[in-house]
Amino acid sequence: ALYIKPYDKLYGPTYTVLDILQKVFYSSNAAREAFVDMCESKYVQQVTFDSYLYKKVQGNNPIEDIKLLFQTFGSLMRGAAIATPDKTYSNPVESQKRL
């Protein structure tokens, strides 16, 4: 348990960002379309590369971060407009096993 606190202090923010990205961009077809659109940005690619390289979340350009925020909202709206709706998924047998 002693090793977890220093690890979480170093890498916790990275995993928080990844968790948020997963929750936002893997929730529907529209969100996945928005993620693909967002990943075309040179800034996103650079921040991603630097974050992996330095093992901590990068992005020290507030102007570009704000641009990215607006681009992300635009991408989410565009994705919602063009993506095919998700099919409903129901698996009552598996659901009953989990109760």
Protein backbone atom coordinates (compact mmCIF):
# COMPACT_ATOMS: atom_id res chain seq x y z
CA ALA A 1 0.00 0.00 0.00
CA LEU A 2 2.97 2.33 0.48
CA TYR A 3 3.80 2.27 -3.22
CA ILE A 4 0.28 3.32 -4.30
CA LYS A 5 0.33 6.87 -2.89
CA PRO A 6 3.49 8.00 -4.74
CA TYR A 7 2.25 6.28 -7.91
CA ASP A 8 -1.16 7.93 -7.67
CA LYS A 9 0.46 11.30 -7.03
CA LEU A 10 2.58 10.95 -10.15
CA TYR A 11 0.11 9.31 -12.53
CA GLY A 12 -3.32 9.99 -11.04
CA PRO A 13 -4.02 13.04 -13.22
CA THR A 14 -3.14 11.08 -16.36
CA TYR A 15 -5.58 8.32 -15.51
CA THR A 16 -8.23 10.88 -14.59
CA VAL A 17 -7.92 12.50 -18.03
CA LEU A 18 -8.04 9.11 -19.75
CA ASP A 19 -11.11 8.13 -17.72
CA ILE A 20 -12.90 11.35 -18.66
CA LEU A 21 -12.03 10.85 -22.33
CA GLN A 22 -13.37 7.31 -22.21
CA LYS A 23 -16.62 8.35 -20.52
CA VAL A 24 -17.21 11.22 -22.94
CA PHE A 25 -16.02 9.79 -26.24
CA TYR A 26 -16.90 6.11 -25.98
CA SER A 27 -20.51 6.57 -24.95
CA SER A 28 -22.13 6.61 -28.41
CA ASN A 29 -21.45 6.54 -32.13
CA ALA A 30 -21.78 10.33 -32.24
CA ALA A 31 -19.18 10.73 -29.49
CA ARG A 32 -16.79 8.34 -31.27
CA GLU A 33 -17.19 10.39 -34.46
CA ALA A 34 -16.35 13.51 -32.45
CA PHE A 35 -13.26 11.80 -31.01
CA VAL A 36 -12.00 10.92 -34.48
CA ASP A 37 -12.61 14.50 -35.57
CA MET A 38 -10.79 15.87 -32.53
CA CYS A 39 -7.78 13.60 -33.06
CA GLU A 40 -7.10 15.19 -36.45
CA SER A 41 -5.87 18.31 -34.63
CA LYS A 42 -2.10 18.77 -34.69
CA TYR A 43 -2.31 20.19 -31.15
CA VAL A 44 -4.10 17.08 -29.86
CA GLN A 45 -1.51 14.86 -31.52
CA GLN A 46 1.36 16.87 -29.99
CA VAL A 47 -0.17 16.88 -26.50
CA THR A 48 -0.83 13.14 -26.75
CA PHE A 49 2.72 12.41 -27.88
CA ASP A 50 4.25 14.62 -25.18
CA SER A 51 2.00 13.13 -22.50
CA TYR A 52 3.11 9.62 -23.37
CA LEU A 53 6.74 10.69 -23.69
CA TYR A 54 6.89 12.49 -20.35
CA LYS A 55 4.40 10.21 -18.53
CA LYS A 56 2.25 13.12 -17.37
CA VAL A 57 -0.53 15.15 -18.93
CA GLN A 58 0.91 17.94 -21.05
CA GLY A 59 -0.82 20.91 -22.60
CA ASN A 60 0.70 24.08 -21.28
CA ASN A 61 -0.83 26.37 -23.88
CA PRO A 62 -4.04 27.85 -22.43
CA ILE A 63 -5.04 29.50 -25.73
CA GLU A 64 -4.79 26.20 -27.59
CA ASP A 65 -6.60 24.43 -24.72
CA ILE A 66 -9.52 26.86 -25.04
CA LYS A 67 -9.56 26.41 -28.82
CA LEU A 68 -9.59 22.65 -28.25
CA LEU A 69 -12.50 22.97 -25.83
CA PHE A 70 -14.60 24.80 -28.42
CA GLN A 71 -13.48 22.42 -31.16
CA THR A 72 -14.53 19.50 -28.95
CA PHE A 73 -18.00 20.93 -28.41
CA GLY A 74 -18.29 21.56 -32.13
CA SER A 75 -17.14 18.02 -32.88
CA LEU A 76 -19.66 16.57 -30.42
CA MET A 77 -22.48 18.53 -32.06
CA ARG A 78 -21.30 17.53 -35.53
CA GLY A 79 -20.99 13.90 -34.45
CA ALA A 80 -24.52 13.97 -33.06
CA ALA A 81 -25.78 15.35 -36.36
CA ILE A 82 -24.04 12.89 -38.71
CA ALA A 83 -23.57 9.65 -36.77
CA THR A 84 -25.93 6.74 -37.09
CA PRO A 85 -27.89 6.22 -33.86
CA ASP A 86 -26.72 3.48 -31.55
CA LYS A 87 -28.69 0.26 -31.70
CA THR A 88 -30.43 -0.68 -28.50
CA TYR A 89 -28.73 -3.51 -26.74
CA SER A 90 -30.48 -5.84 -24.39
CA ASN A 91 -29.15 -9.00 -22.85
CA PRO A 92 -31.52 -9.94 -20.02
CA VAL A 93 -29.83 -13.29 -19.39
CA GLU A 94 -26.47 -11.67 -18.63
CA SER A 95 -28.19 -8.93 -16.66
CA GLN A 96 -29.87 -11.49 -14.41
CA LYS A 97 -26.53 -13.23 -13.76
CA ARG A 98 -25.08 -10.00 -12.41
CA LEU A 99 -27.80 -9.38 -9.86
